[in-house]
């Protein structure tokens, strides 16, 4: 099953970094599942959208399929059930890093970020 990059390096120089071609049904299933995460509100959906913005749709599908394959492998080998809280924790960590980066950039430009207070009042 080929859902990860195959890096060919010679003499410290990267020659190729493409995914090998495969006729594996499992790889196709993981890719299809990764592609379906585009509109998902889950942490994996956020991961897919972040990778799509960073690398483009093709590499995003491959990286998300690889993540799904690692999750499935862990579940099969350890017998543990799927735990969404692990990914929620990673998303919170990513969000706090993103907020800190925004605050730092705003401070460098001479601005200050202030969080918006959510009001519970209804305007009629």
PDB file of N, CA and C in Angstrom:
ATOM      1  N   UNK A   1       0.858  -1.173   0.000  1.00  0.00           N
ATOM      2  CA  UNK A   1       0.000   0.000   0.000  1.00  0.00           C
ATOM      3  C   UNK A   1       0.900   1.230   0.000  1.00  0.00           C
ATOM      4  N   UNK A   2       0.697   2.117  -0.945  1.00  0.00           N
ATOM      5  CA  UNK A   2       1.576   3.269  -1.068  1.00  0.00           C
ATOM      6  C   UNK A   2       0.788   4.556  -0.864  1.00  0.00           C
ATOM      7  N   UNK A   3       0.784   5.033   0.351  1.00  0.00           N
ATOM      8  CA  UNK A   3       0.153   6.316   0.646  1.00  0.00           C
ATOM      9  C   UNK A   3       1.157   7.246   1.318  1.00  0.00           C
ATOM     10  N   UNK A   4       2.418   7.033   1.045  1.00  0.00           N
ATOM     11  CA  UNK A   4       3.449   7.920   1.576  1.00  0.00           C
ATOM     12  C   UNK A   4       4.467   8.204   0.480  1.00  0.00           C
ATOM     13  N   UNK A   5       5.214   9.259   0.654  1.00  0.00           N
ATOM     14  CA  UNK A   5       6.207   9.638  -0.338  1.00  0.00           C
ATOM     15  C   UNK A   5       7.345   8.632  -0.370  1.00  0.00           C
ATOM     16  N   UNK A   6       7.903   8.456  -1.540  1.00  0.00           N
ATOM     17  CA  UNK A   6       9.068   7.596  -1.715  1.00  0.00           C
ATOM     18  C   UNK A   6      10.224   8.501  -2.103  1.00  0.00           C
ATOM     19  N   UNK A   7      11.054   8.873  -1.130  1.00  0.00           N
ATOM     20  CA  UNK A   7      12.174   9.769  -1.374  1.00  0.00           C
ATOM     21  C   UNK A   7      13.372   8.976  -1.882  1.00  0.00           C
ATOM     22  N   UNK A   8      13.895   9.395  -3.021  1.00  0.00           N
ATOM     23  CA  UNK A   8      15.123   8.811  -3.535  1.00  0.00           C
ATOM     24  C   UNK A   8      16.219   9.850  -3.375  1.00  0.00           C
ATOM     25  N   UNK A   9      17.230   9.523  -2.555  1.00  0.00           N
ATOM     26  CA  UNK A   9      18.322  10.435  -2.266  1.00  0.00           C
ATOM     27  C   UNK A   9      19.623   9.760  -2.647  1.00  0.00           C
ATOM     28  N   UNK A  10      20.471  10.511  -3.343  1.00  0.00           N
ATOM     29  CA  UNK A  10      21.782   9.992  -3.729  1.00  0.00           C
ATOM     30  C   UNK A  10      22.822  11.071  -3.471  1.00  0.00           C
ATOM     31  N   UNK A  11      23.783  10.777  -2.638  1.00  0.00           N
ATOM     32  CA  UNK A  11      24.826  11.745  -2.331  1.00  0.00           C
ATOM     33  C   UNK A  11      24.304  12.967  -1.606  1.00  0.00           C
ATOM     34  N   UNK A  12      23.233  12.799  -0.825  1.00  0.00           N
ATOM     35  CA  UNK A  12      22.659  13.918  -0.095  1.00  0.00           C
ATOM     36  C   UNK A  12      21.742  14.782  -0.932  1.00  0.00           C
ATOM     37  N   UNK A  13      21.578  14.460  -2.214  1.00  0.00           N
ATOM     38  CA  UNK A  13      20.717  15.233  -3.099  1.00  0.00           C
ATOM     39  C   UNK A  13      19.407  14.484  -3.329  1.00  0.00           C
ATOM     40  N   UNK A  14      18.291  15.189  -3.176  1.00  0.00           N
ATOM     41  CA  UNK A  14      16.993  14.575  -3.390  1.00  0.00           C
ATOM     42  C   UNK A  14      16.733  14.472  -4.887  1.00  0.00           C
ATOM     43  N   UNK A  15      16.567  13.244  -5.371  1.00  0.00           N
ATOM     44  CA  UNK A  15      16.334  13.015  -6.791  1.00  0.00           C
ATOM     45  C   UNK A  15      14.852  13.021  -7.126  1.00  0.00           C
ATOM     46  N   UNK A  16      14.088  12.257  -6.369  1.00  0.00           N
ATOM     47  CA  UNK A  16      12.648  12.159  -6.570  1.00  0.00           C
ATOM     48  C   UNK A  16      11.952  12.083  -5.227  1.00  0.00           C
ATOM     49  N   UNK A  17      10.741  12.616  -5.186  1.00  0.00           N
ATOM     50  CA  UNK A  17       9.935  12.506  -3.976  1.00  0.00           C
ATOM     51  C   UNK A  17       8.479  12.363  -4.372  1.00  0.00           C
ATOM     52  N   UNK A  18       8.198  11.342  -5.141  1.00  0.00           N
ATOM     53  CA  UNK A  18       6.833  11.098  -5.590  1.00  0.00           C
ATOM     54  C   UNK A  18       6.286   9.844  -4.933  1.00  0.00           C
ATOM     55  N   UNK A  19       4.975   9.740  -4.917  1.00  0.00           N
ATOM     56  CA  UNK A  19       4.323   8.550  -4.392  1.00  0.00           C
ATOM     57  C   UNK A  19       4.384   7.451  -5.450  1.00  0.00           C
ATOM     58  N   UNK A  20       4.735   6.258  -5.031  1.00  0.00           N
ATOM     59  CA  UNK A  20       4.789   5.135  -5.970  1.00  0.00           C
ATOM     60  C   UNK A  20       3.394   4.805  -6.469  1.00  0.00           C
ATOM     61  N   UNK A  21       3.320   4.329  -7.677  1.00  0.00           N
ATOM     62  CA  UNK A  21       2.039   3.895  -8.225  1.00  0.00           C
ATOM     63  C   UNK A  21       1.695   2.533  -7.638  1.00  0.00           C
ATOM     64  N   UNK A  22       0.415   2.348  -7.358  1.00  0.00           N
ATOM     65  CA  UNK A  22      -0.015   1.103  -6.741  1.00  0.00           C
ATOM     66  C   UNK A  22      -1.431   0.789  -7.177  1.00  0.00           C
ATOM     67  N   UNK A  23      -1.757  -0.460  -7.136  1.00  0.00           N
ATOM     68  CA  UNK A  23      -3.116  -0.888  -7.454  1.00  0.00           C
ATOM     69  C   UNK A  23      -3.791  -1.416  -6.187  1.00  0.00           C
ATOM     70  N   UNK A  24      -3.373  -0.920  -5.054  1.00  0.00           N
ATOM     71  CA  UNK A  24      -3.884  -1.397  -3.777  1.00  0.00           C
ATOM     72  C   UNK A  24      -5.277  -0.832  -3.497  1.00  0.00           C
ATOM     73  N   UNK A  25      -6.199  -1.724  -3.170  1.00  0.00           N
ATOM     74  CA  UNK A  25      -7.554  -1.273  -2.847  1.00  0.00           C
ATOM     75  C   UNK A  25      -7.581  -0.513  -1.532  1.00  0.00           C
ATOM     76  N   UNK A  26      -6.706  -0.890  -0.595  1.00  0.00           N
ATOM     77  CA  UNK A  26      -6.655  -0.194   0.686  1.00  0.00           C
ATOM     78  C   UNK A  26      -6.180   1.250   0.485  1.00  0.00           C
ATOM     79  N   UNK A  27      -5.166   1.452  -0.357  1.00  0.00           N
ATOM     80  CA  UNK A  27      -4.669   2.806  -0.628  1.00  0.00           C
ATOM     81  C   UNK A  27      -5.760   3.644  -1.273  1.00  0.00           C
ATOM     82  N   UNK A  28      -6.503   3.060  -2.187  1.00  0.00           N
ATOM     83  CA  UNK A  28      -7.606   3.779  -2.836  1.00  0.00           C
ATOM     84  C   UNK A  28      -8.677   4.151  -1.816  1.00  0.00           C
ATOM     85  N   UNK A  29      -8.959   3.238  -0.894  1.00  0.00           N
ATOM     86  CA  UNK A  29      -9.971   3.508   0.129  1.00  0.00           C
ATOM     87  C   UNK A  29      -9.519   4.638   1.060  1.00  0.00           C
ATOM     88  N   UNK A  30      -8.252   4.616   1.455  1.00  0.00           N
ATOM     89  CA  UNK A  30      -7.745   5.683   2.318  1.00  0.00           C
ATOM     90  C   UNK A  30      -7.743   7.024   1.587  1.00  0.00           C
ATOM     91  N   UNK A  31      -7.414   7.017   0.292  1.00  0.00           N
ATOM     92  CA  UNK A  31      -7.436   8.264  -0.471  1.00  0.00           C
ATOM     93  C   UNK A  31      -8.854   8.800  -0.605  1.00  0.00           C
ATOM     94  N   UNK A  32      -9.805   7.922  -0.840  1.00  0.00           N
ATOM     95  CA  UNK A  32     -11.204   8.327  -0.957  1.00  0.00           C
ATOM     96  C   UNK A  32     -11.710   8.887   0.371  1.00  0.00           C
ATOM     97  N   UNK A  33     -11.328   8.232   1.460  1.00  0.00           N
ATOM     98  CA  UNK A  33     -11.719   8.717   2.786  1.00  0.00           C
ATOM     99  C   UNK A  33     -11.090  10.080   3.071  1.00  0.00           C
ATOM    100  N   UNK A  34      -9.835  10.255   2.657  1.00  0.00           N
ATOM    101  CA  UNK A  34      -9.160  11.537   2.870  1.00  0.00           C
ATOM    102  C   UNK A  34      -9.834  12.635   2.065  1.00  0.00           C
ATOM    103  N   UNK A  35     -10.216  12.321   0.850  1.00  0.00           N
ATOM    104  CA  UNK A  35     -10.864  13.314   0.005  1.00  0.00           C
ATOM    105  C   UNK A  35     -12.226  13.711   0.567  1.00  0.00           C
ATOM    106  N   UNK A  36     -12.909  12.786   1.218  1.00  0.00           N
ATOM    107  CA  UNK A  36     -14.232  13.084   1.778  1.00  0.00           C
ATOM    108  C   UNK A  36     -14.146  13.974   3.013  1.00  0.00           C
ATOM    109  N   UNK A  37     -12.947  14.154   3.564  1.00  0.00           N
ATOM    110  CA  UNK A  37     -12.783  15.006   4.744  1.00  0.00           C
ATOM    111  C   UNK A  37     -12.780  16.491   4.402  1.00  0.00           C
ATOM    112  N   UNK A  38     -12.876  16.848   3.134  1.00  0.00           N
ATOM    113  CA  UNK A  38     -12.804  18.251   2.711  1.00  0.00           C
ATOM    114  C   UNK A  38     -13.857  19.112   3.393  1.00  0.00           C
ATOM    115  N   UNK A  39     -15.036  18.571   3.621  1.00  0.00           N
ATOM    116  CA  UNK A  39     -16.128  19.348   4.218  1.00  0.00           C
ATOM    117  C   UNK A  39     -16.470  18.898   5.628  1.00  0.00           C
ATOM    118  N   UNK A  40     -15.596  18.108   6.227  1.00  0.00           N
ATOM    119  CA  UNK A  40     -15.840  17.595   7.575  1.00  0.00           C
ATOM    120  C   UNK A  40     -15.460  18.633   8.630  1.00  0.00           C
ATOM    121  N   UNK A  41     -16.208  18.664   9.717  1.00  0.00           N
ATOM    122  CA  UNK A  41     -15.926  19.593  10.816  1.00  0.00           C
ATOM    123  C   UNK A  41     -14.987  18.980  11.849  1.00  0.00           C
ATOM    124  N   UNK A  42     -14.463  17.807  11.586  1.00  0.00           N
ATOM    125  CA  UNK A  42     -13.604  17.128  12.547  1.00  0.00           C
ATOM    126  C   UNK A  42     -12.186  17.677  12.490  1.00  0.00           C
ATOM    127  N   UNK A  43     -11.358  17.231  13.423  1.00  0.00           N
ATOM    128  CA  UNK A  43      -9.954  17.640  13.452  1.00  0.00           C
ATOM    129  C   UNK A  43      -9.227  17.137  12.213  1.00  0.00           C
ATOM    130  N   UNK A  44      -9.603  15.957  11.725  1.00  0.00           N
ATOM    131  CA  UNK A  44      -8.984  15.434  10.508  1.00  0.00           C
ATOM    132  C   UNK A  44      -9.374  16.269   9.288  1.00  0.00           C
ATOM    133  N   UNK A  45     -10.600  16.778   9.286  1.00  0.00           N
ATOM    134  CA  UNK A  45     -11.020  17.677   8.215  1.00  0.00           C
ATOM    135  C   UNK A  45     -10.221  18.973   8.233  1.00  0.00           C
ATOM    136  N   UNK A  46      -9.969  19.503   9.431  1.00  0.00           N
ATOM    137  CA  UNK A  46      -9.131  20.697   9.554  1.00  0.00           C
ATOM    138  C   UNK A  46      -7.719  20.421   9.055  1.00  0.00           C
ATOM    139  N   UNK A  47      -7.196  19.233   9.389  1.00  0.00           N
ATOM    140  CA  UNK A  47      -5.862  18.848   8.936  1.00  0.00           C
ATOM    141  C   UNK A  47      -5.810  18.808   7.412  1.00  0.00           C
ATOM    142  N   UNK A  48      -6.827  18.188   6.793  1.00  0.00           N
ATOM    143  CA  UNK A  48      -6.857  18.095   5.332  1.00  0.00           C
ATOM    144  C   UNK A  48      -6.882  19.481   4.695  1.00  0.00           C
ATOM    145  N   UNK A  49      -7.742  20.369   5.210  1.00  0.00           N
ATOM    146  CA  UNK A  49      -7.842  21.710   4.632  1.00  0.00           C
ATOM    147  C   UNK A  49      -6.548  22.505   4.808  1.00  0.00           C
ATOM    148  N   UNK A  50      -5.874  22.308   5.958  1.00  0.00           N
ATOM    149  CA  UNK A  50      -4.594  22.982   6.183  1.00  0.00           C
ATOM    150  C   UNK A  50      -3.546  22.488   5.188  1.00  0.00           C
ATOM    151  N   UNK A  51      -3.493  21.188   4.965  1.00  0.00           N
ATOM    152  CA  UNK A  51      -2.541  20.619   4.018  1.00  0.00           C
ATOM    153  C   UNK A  51      -2.873  21.025   2.581  1.00  0.00           C
ATOM    154  N   UNK A  52      -4.168  21.134   2.268  1.00  0.00           N
ATOM    155  CA  UNK A  52      -4.565  21.546   0.921  1.00  0.00           C
ATOM    156  C   UNK A  52      -4.122  22.978   0.648  1.00  0.00           C
ATOM    157  N   UNK A  53      -4.228  23.835   1.659  1.00  0.00           N
ATOM    158  CA  UNK A  53      -3.783  25.219   1.493  1.00  0.00           C
ATOM    159  C   UNK A  53      -2.264  25.285   1.377  1.00  0.00           C
ATOM    160  N   UNK A  54      -1.585  24.387   2.046  1.00  0.00           N
ATOM    161  CA  UNK A  54      -0.123  24.407   2.076  1.00  0.00           C
ATOM    162  C   UNK A  54       0.497  23.751   0.839  1.00  0.00           C
ATOM    163  N   UNK A  55      -0.011  22.589   0.435  1.00  0.00           N
ATOM    164  CA  UNK A  55       0.614  21.798  -0.616  1.00  0.00           C
ATOM    165  C   UNK A  55      -0.196  21.667  -1.899  1.00  0.00           C
ATOM    166  N   UNK A  56      -1.501  21.914  -1.838  1.00  0.00           N
ATOM    167  CA  UNK A  56      -2.363  21.658  -2.990  1.00  0.00           C
ATOM    168  C   UNK A  56      -3.179  20.405  -2.750  1.00  0.00           C
ATOM    169  N   UNK A  57      -4.219  20.199  -3.567  1.00  0.00           N
ATOM    170  CA  UNK A  57      -5.139  19.091  -3.307  1.00  0.00           C
ATOM    171  C   UNK A  57      -4.529  17.702  -3.424  1.00  0.00           C
ATOM    172  N   UNK A  58      -3.665  17.467  -4.389  1.00  0.00           N
ATOM    173  CA  UNK A  58      -3.125  16.111  -4.596  1.00  0.00           C
ATOM    174  C   UNK A  58      -2.274  15.670  -3.406  1.00  0.00           C
ATOM    175  N   UNK A  59      -1.340  16.513  -2.976  1.00  0.00           N
ATOM    176  CA  UNK A  59      -0.491  16.145  -1.844  1.00  0.00           C
ATOM    177  C   UNK A  59      -1.293  16.110  -0.549  1.00  0.00           C
ATOM    178  N   UNK A  60      -2.322  16.958  -0.447  1.00  0.00           N
ATOM    179  CA  UNK A  60      -3.149  16.958   0.756  1.00  0.00           C
ATOM    180  C   UNK A  60      -3.879  15.629   0.905  1.00  0.00           C
ATOM    181  N   UNK A  61      -4.373  15.093  -0.194  1.00  0.00           N
ATOM    182  CA  UNK A  61      -5.055  13.795  -0.151  1.00  0.00           C
ATOM    183  C   UNK A  61      -4.074  12.712   0.270  1.00  0.00           C
ATOM    184  N   UNK A  62      -2.853  12.750  -0.275  1.00  0.00           N
ATOM    185  CA  UNK A  62      -1.851  11.737   0.064  1.00  0.00           C
ATOM    186  C   UNK A  62      -1.450  11.835   1.530  1.00  0.00           C
ATOM    187  N   UNK A  63      -1.198  13.050   2.034  1.00  0.00           N
ATOM    188  CA  UNK A  63      -0.781  13.182   3.433  1.00  0.00           C
ATOM    189  C   UNK A  63      -1.901  12.788   4.387  1.00  0.00           C
ATOM    190  N   UNK A  64      -3.139  13.142   4.050  1.00  0.00           N
ATOM    191  CA  UNK A  64      -4.259  12.776   4.914  1.00  0.00           C
ATOM    192  C   UNK A  64      -4.522  11.274   4.850  1.00  0.00           C
ATOM    193  N   UNK A  65      -4.382  10.676   3.663  1.00  0.00           N
ATOM    194  CA  UNK A  65      -4.537   9.215   3.540  1.00  0.00           C
ATOM    195  C   UNK A  65      -3.472   8.509   4.356  1.00  0.00           C
ATOM    196  N   UNK A  66      -2.254   9.047   4.355  1.00  0.00           N
ATOM    197  CA  UNK A  66      -1.175   8.462   5.153  1.00  0.00           C
ATOM    198  C   UNK A  66      -1.508   8.546   6.637  1.00  0.00           C
ATOM    199  N   UNK A  67      -2.044   9.672   7.070  1.00  0.00           N
ATOM    200  CA  UNK A  67      -2.436   9.830   8.475  1.00  0.00           C
ATOM    201  C   UNK A  67      -3.542   8.833   8.826  1.00  0.00           C
ATOM    202  N   UNK A  68      -4.526   8.676   7.948  1.00  0.00           N
ATOM    203  CA  UNK A  68      -5.599   7.710   8.186  1.00  0.00           C
ATOM    204  C   UNK A  68      -5.060   6.284   8.247  1.00  0.00           C
ATOM    205  N   UNK A  69      -4.099   5.962   7.394  1.00  0.00           N
ATOM    206  CA  UNK A  69      -3.503   4.627   7.398  1.00  0.00           C
ATOM    207  C   UNK A  69      -2.752   4.371   8.709  1.00  0.00           C
ATOM    208  N   UNK A  70      -2.040   5.394   9.214  1.00  0.00           N
ATOM    209  CA  UNK A  70      -1.337   5.242  10.489  1.00  0.00           C
ATOM    210  C   UNK A  70      -2.322   5.055  11.639  1.00  0.00           C
ATOM    211  N   UNK A  71      -3.449   5.776  11.588  1.00  0.00           N
ATOM    212  CA  UNK A  71      -4.480   5.623  12.620  1.00  0.00           C
ATOM    213  C   UNK A  71      -5.048   4.207  12.585  1.00  0.00           C
ATOM    214  N   UNK A  72      -5.387   3.725  11.385  1.00  0.00           N
ATOM    215  CA  UNK A  72      -5.947   2.372  11.242  1.00  0.00           C
ATOM    216  C   UNK A  72      -4.943   1.324  11.703  1.00  0.00           C
ATOM    217  N   UNK A  73      -3.678   1.480  11.343  1.00  0.00           N
ATOM    218  CA  UNK A  73      -2.645   0.533  11.762  1.00  0.00           C
ATOM    219  C   UNK A  73      -2.530   0.498  13.283  1.00  0.00           C
ATOM    220  N   UNK A  74      -2.555   1.662  13.911  1.00  0.00           N
ATOM    221  CA  UNK A  74      -2.463   1.719  15.369  1.00  0.00           C
ATOM    222  C   UNK A  74      -3.661   1.018  16.018  1.00  0.00           C
ATOM    223  N   UNK A  75      -4.847   1.257  15.455  1.00  0.00           N
ATOM    224  CA  UNK A  75      -6.050   0.637  16.016  1.00  0.00           C
ATOM    225  C   UNK A  75      -5.997  -0.885  15.878  1.00  0.00           C
ATOM    226  N   UNK A  76      -5.516  -1.381  14.751  1.00  0.00           N
ATOM    227  CA  UNK A  76      -5.468  -2.826  14.506  1.00  0.00           C
ATOM    228  C   UNK A  76      -4.402  -3.488  15.378  1.00  0.00           C
ATOM    229  N   UNK A  77      -3.230  -2.873  15.478  1.00  0.00           N
ATOM    230  CA  UNK A  77      -2.135  -3.516  16.211  1.00  0.00           C
ATOM    231  C   UNK A  77      -2.301  -3.448  17.719  1.00  0.00           C
ATOM    232  N   UNK A  78      -2.877  -2.360  18.234  1.00  0.00           N
ATOM    233  CA  UNK A  78      -3.007  -2.232  19.688  1.00  0.00           C
ATOM    234  C   UNK A  78      -4.372  -2.657  20.205  1.00  0.00           C
ATOM    235  N   UNK A  79      -5.369  -2.685  19.333  1.00  0.00           N
ATOM    236  CA  UNK A  79      -6.716  -3.041  19.762  1.00  0.00           C
ATOM    237  C   UNK A  79      -7.438  -1.900  20.458  1.00  0.00           C
ATOM    238  N   UNK A  80      -6.849  -0.706  20.454  1.00  0.00           N
ATOM    239  CA  UNK A  80      -7.476   0.459  21.085  1.00  0.00           C
ATOM    240  C   UNK A  80      -8.526   1.051  20.150  1.00  0.00           C
ATOM    241  N   UNK A  81      -9.599   1.618  20.717  1.00  0.00           N
ATOM    242  CA  UNK A  81     -10.598   2.281  19.865  1.00  0.00           C
ATOM    243  C   UNK A  81     -10.093   3.650  19.406  1.00  0.00           C
ATOM    244  N   UNK A  82     -10.749   4.196  18.395  1.00  0.00           N
ATOM    245  CA  UNK A  82     -10.399   5.512  17.869  1.00  0.00           C
ATOM    246  C   UNK A  82     -10.708   6.571  18.922  1.00  0.00           C
ATOM    247  N   UNK A  83      -9.782   7.483  19.156  1.00  0.00           N
ATOM    248  CA  UNK A  83      -9.948   8.511  20.172  1.00  0.00           C
ATOM    249  C   UNK A  83      -9.792   9.886  19.535  1.00  0.00           C
ATOM    250  N   UNK A  84     -10.897  10.590  19.369  1.00  0.00           N
ATOM    251  CA  UNK A  84     -10.899  11.919  18.738  1.00  0.00           C
ATOM    252  C   UNK A  84     -10.223  12.966  19.612  1.00  0.00           C
ATOM    253  N   UNK A  85     -10.150  12.731  20.929  1.00  0.00           N
ATOM    254  CA  UNK A  85      -9.585  13.745  21.829  1.00  0.00           C
ATOM    255  C   UNK A  85      -8.101  13.995  21.559  1.00  0.00           C
ATOM    256  N   UNK A  86      -7.385  12.994  21.042  1.00  0.00           N
ATOM    257  CA  UNK A  86      -5.969  13.166  20.710  1.00  0.00           C
ATOM    258  C   UNK A  86      -5.829  14.235  19.627  1.00  0.00           C
ATOM    259  N   UNK A  87      -6.701  14.178  18.618  1.00  0.00           N
ATOM    260  CA  UNK A  87      -6.638  15.139  17.529  1.00  0.00           C
ATOM    261  C   UNK A  87      -7.154  16.498  17.959  1.00  0.00           C
ATOM    262  N   UNK A  88      -8.148  16.514  18.851  1.00  0.00           N
ATOM    263  CA  UNK A  88      -8.652  17.787  19.359  1.00  0.00           C
ATOM    264  C   UNK A  88      -7.548  18.515  20.128  1.00  0.00           C
ATOM    265  N   UNK A  89      -6.760  17.770  20.874  1.00  0.00           N
ATOM    266  CA  UNK A  89      -5.643  18.366  21.618  1.00  0.00           C
ATOM    267  C   UNK A  89      -4.613  18.957  20.647  1.00  0.00           C
ATOM    268  N   UNK A  90      -4.326  18.244  19.584  1.00  0.00           N
ATOM    269  CA  UNK A  90      -3.374  18.739  18.583  1.00  0.00           C
ATOM    270  C   UNK A  90      -3.912  19.989  17.888  1.00  0.00           C
ATOM    271  N   UNK A  91      -5.218  20.030  17.637  1.00  0.00           N
ATOM    272  CA  UNK A  91      -5.820  21.205  17.010  1.00  0.00           C
ATOM    273  C   UNK A  91      -5.757  22.414  17.937  1.00  0.00           C
ATOM    274  N   UNK A  92      -5.992  22.203  19.240  1.00  0.00           N
ATOM    275  CA  UNK A  92      -5.894  23.316  20.199  1.00  0.00           C
ATOM    276  C   UNK A  92      -4.469  23.854  20.233  1.00  0.00           C
ATOM    277  N   UNK A  93      -3.489  22.955  20.184  1.00  0.00           N
ATOM    278  CA  UNK A  93      -2.089  23.364  20.179  1.00  0.00           C
ATOM    279  C   UNK A  93      -1.764  24.161  18.912  1.00  0.00           C
ATOM    280  N   UNK A  94      -2.279  23.702  17.772  1.00  0.00           N
ATOM    281  CA  UNK A  94      -2.063  24.411  16.516  1.00  0.00           C
ATOM    282  C   UNK A  94      -2.696  25.801  16.570  1.00  0.00           C
ATOM    283  N   UNK A  95      -3.901  25.877  17.124  1.00  0.00           N
ATOM    284  CA  UNK A  95      -4.596  27.168  17.201  1.00  0.00           C
ATOM    285  C   UNK A  95      -3.854  28.150  18.099  1.00  0.00           C
ATOM    286  N   UNK A  96      -3.322  27.670  19.235  1.00  0.00           N
ATOM    287  CA  UNK A  96      -2.590  28.573  20.128  1.00  0.00           C
ATOM    288  C   UNK A  96      -1.302  29.057  19.461  1.00  0.00           C
ATOM    289  N   UNK A  97      -0.626  28.192  18.707  1.00  0.00           N
ATOM    290  CA  UNK A  97       0.562  28.618  17.958  1.00  0.00           C
ATOM    291  C   UNK A  97       0.203  29.671  16.924  1.00  0.00           C
ATOM    292  N   UNK A  98      -0.917  29.462  16.257  1.00  0.00           N
ATOM    293  CA  UNK A  98      -1.368  30.403  15.240  1.00  0.00           C
ATOM    294  C   UNK A  98      -1.691  31.758  15.876  1.00  0.00           C
ATOM    295  N   UNK A  99      -2.358  31.747  17.019  1.00  0.00           N
ATOM    296  CA  UNK A  99      -2.675  32.997  17.717  1.00  0.00           C
ATOM    297  C   UNK A  99      -1.407  33.718  18.153  1.00  0.00           C
ATOM    298  N   UNK A 100      -0.447  32.974  18.693  1.00  0.00           N
ATOM    299  CA  UNK A 100       0.810  33.591  19.114  1.00  0.00           C
ATOM    300  C   UNK A 100       1.559  34.193  17.928  1.00  0.00           C
ATOM    301  N   UNK A 101       1.549  33.500  16.796  1.00  0.00           N
ATOM    302  CA  UNK A 101       2.204  34.014  15.592  1.00  0.00           C
ATOM    303  C   UNK A 101       1.537  35.304  15.127  1.00  0.00           C
ATOM    304  N   UNK A 102       0.193  35.344  15.154  1.00  0.00           N
ATOM    305  CA  UNK A 102      -0.534  36.548  14.757  1.00  0.00           C
ATOM    306  C   UNK A 102      -0.232  37.711  15.691  1.00  0.00           C
ATOM    307  N   UNK A 103      -0.207  37.433  17.006  1.00  0.00           N
ATOM    308  CA  UNK A 103       0.096  38.484  17.979  1.00  0.00           C
ATOM    309  C   UNK A 103       1.495  39.039  17.776  1.00  0.00           C
ATOM    310  N   UNK A 104       2.458  38.161  17.517  1.00  0.00           N
ATOM    311  CA  UNK A 104       3.834  38.590  17.305  1.00  0.00           C
ATOM    312  C   UNK A 104       3.946  39.461  16.052  1.00  0.00           C
ATOM    313  N   UNK A 105       3.304  39.023  14.967  1.00  0.00           N
ATOM    314  CA  UNK A 105       3.349  39.807  13.731  1.00  0.00           C
ATOM    315  C   UNK A 105       2.659  41.152  13.900  1.00  0.00           C
ATOM    316  N   UNK A 106       1.537  41.180  14.614  1.00  0.00           N
ATOM    317  CA  UNK A 106       0.837  42.445  14.847  1.00  0.00           C
ATOM    318  C   UNK A 106       1.697  43.382  15.690  1.00  0.00           C
ATOM    319  N   UNK A 107       2.371  42.834  16.699  1.00  0.00           N
ATOM    320  CA  UNK A 107       3.222  43.654  17.555  1.00  0.00           C
ATOM    321  C   UNK A 107       4.372  44.255  16.748  1.00  0.00           C
ATOM    322  N   UNK A 108       4.943  43.466  15.834  1.00  0.00           N
ATOM    323  CA  UNK A 108       6.028  43.963  14.991  1.00  0.00           C
ATOM    324  C   UNK A 108       5.560  45.114  14.100  1.00  0.00           C
ATOM    325  N   UNK A 109       4.298  45.074  13.686  1.00  0.00           N
ATOM    326  CA  UNK A 109       3.753  46.122  12.823  1.00  0.00           C
ATOM    327  C   UNK A 109       3.185  47.294  13.613  1.00  0.00           C
ATOM    328  N   UNK A 110       3.240  47.205  14.937  1.00  0.00           N
ATOM    329  CA  UNK A 110       2.768  48.310  15.774  1.00  0.00           C
ATOM    330  C   UNK A 110       1.299  48.224  16.136  1.00  0.00           C
ATOM    331  N   UNK A 111       0.717  47.050  16.064  1.00  0.00           N
ATOM    332  CA  UNK A 111      -0.687  46.862  16.404  1.00  0.00           C
ATOM    333  C   UNK A 111      -0.803  45.946  17.610  1.00  0.00           C
ATOM    334  N   UNK A 112      -2.008  45.888  18.154  1.00  0.00           N
ATOM    335  CA  UNK A 112      -2.276  44.985  19.263  1.00  0.00           C
ATOM    336  C   UNK A 112      -3.561  44.231  18.961  1.00  0.00           C
ATOM    337  N   UNK A 113      -3.531  42.928  19.108  1.00  0.00           N
ATOM    338  CA  UNK A 113      -4.724  42.117  18.887  1.00  0.00           C
ATOM    339  C   UNK A 113      -5.534  42.027  20.171  1.00  0.00           C
ATOM    340  N   UNK A 114      -6.829  42.274  20.031  1.00  0.00           N
ATOM    341  CA  UNK A 114      -7.731  42.193  21.179  1.00  0.00           C
ATOM    342  C   UNK A 114      -8.815  41.186  20.822  1.00  0.00           C
ATOM    343  N   UNK A 115      -9.056  40.175  21.685  1.00  0.00           N
ATOM    344  CA  UNK A 115     -10.110  39.192  21.373  1.00  0.00           C
ATOM    345  C   UNK A 115     -11.495  39.839  21.379  1.00  0.00           C
ATOM    346  N   UNK A 116     -12.339  39.350  20.507  1.00  0.00           N
ATOM    347  CA  UNK A 116     -13.718  39.858  20.421  1.00  0.00           C
ATOM    348  C   UNK A 116     -14.528  39.238  21.536  1.00  0.00           C
ATOM    349  N   UNK A 117     -15.270  40.066  22.245  1.00  0.00           N
ATOM    350  CA  UNK A 117     -16.152  39.576  23.303  1.00  0.00           C
ATOM    351  C   UNK A 117     -17.473  39.162  22.660  1.00  0.00           C
ATOM    352  N   UNK A 118     -17.859  37.929  22.863  1.00  0.00           N
ATOM    353  CA  UNK A 118     -19.107  37.420  22.313  1.00  0.00           C
ATOM    354  C   UNK A 118     -20.256  37.885  23.193  1.00  0.00           C
ATOM    355  N   UNK A 119     -21.204  38.614  22.611  1.00  0.00           N
ATOM    356  CA  UNK A 119     -22.354  39.083  23.387  1.00  0.00           C
ATOM    357  C   UNK A 119     -23.492  38.085  23.256  1.00  0.00           C
ATOM    358  N   UNK A 120     -24.258  37.962  24.313  1.00  0.00           N
ATOM    359  CA  UNK A 120     -25.401  37.031  24.308  1.00  0.00           C
ATOM    360  C   UNK A 120     -26.707  37.772  24.072  1.00  0.00           C
ATOM    361  N   UNK A 121     -26.635  39.068  23.820  1.00  0.00           N
ATOM    362  CA  UNK A 121     -27.847  39.866  23.595  1.00  0.00           C
ATOM    363  C   UNK A 121     -28.355  39.621  22.170  1.00  0.00           C
ATOM    364  N   UNK A 122     -29.667  39.607  22.069  1.00  0.00           N
ATOM    365  CA  UNK A 122     -30.291  39.476  20.749  1.00  0.00           C
ATOM    366  C   UNK A 122     -30.785  40.838  20.313  1.00  0.00           C
ATOM    367  N   UNK A 123     -30.424  41.218  19.114  1.00  0.00           N
ATOM    368  CA  UNK A 123     -30.859  42.493  18.583  1.00  0.00           C
ATOM    369  C   UNK A 123     -32.086  42.250  17.714  1.00  0.00           C
ATOM    370  N   UNK A 124     -33.178  42.952  18.018  1.00  0.00           N
ATOM    371  CA  UNK A 124     -34.418  42.745  17.284  1.00  0.00           C
ATOM    372  C   UNK A 124     -34.604  43.779  16.208  1.00  0.00           C
TER     373      UNK A 124
END
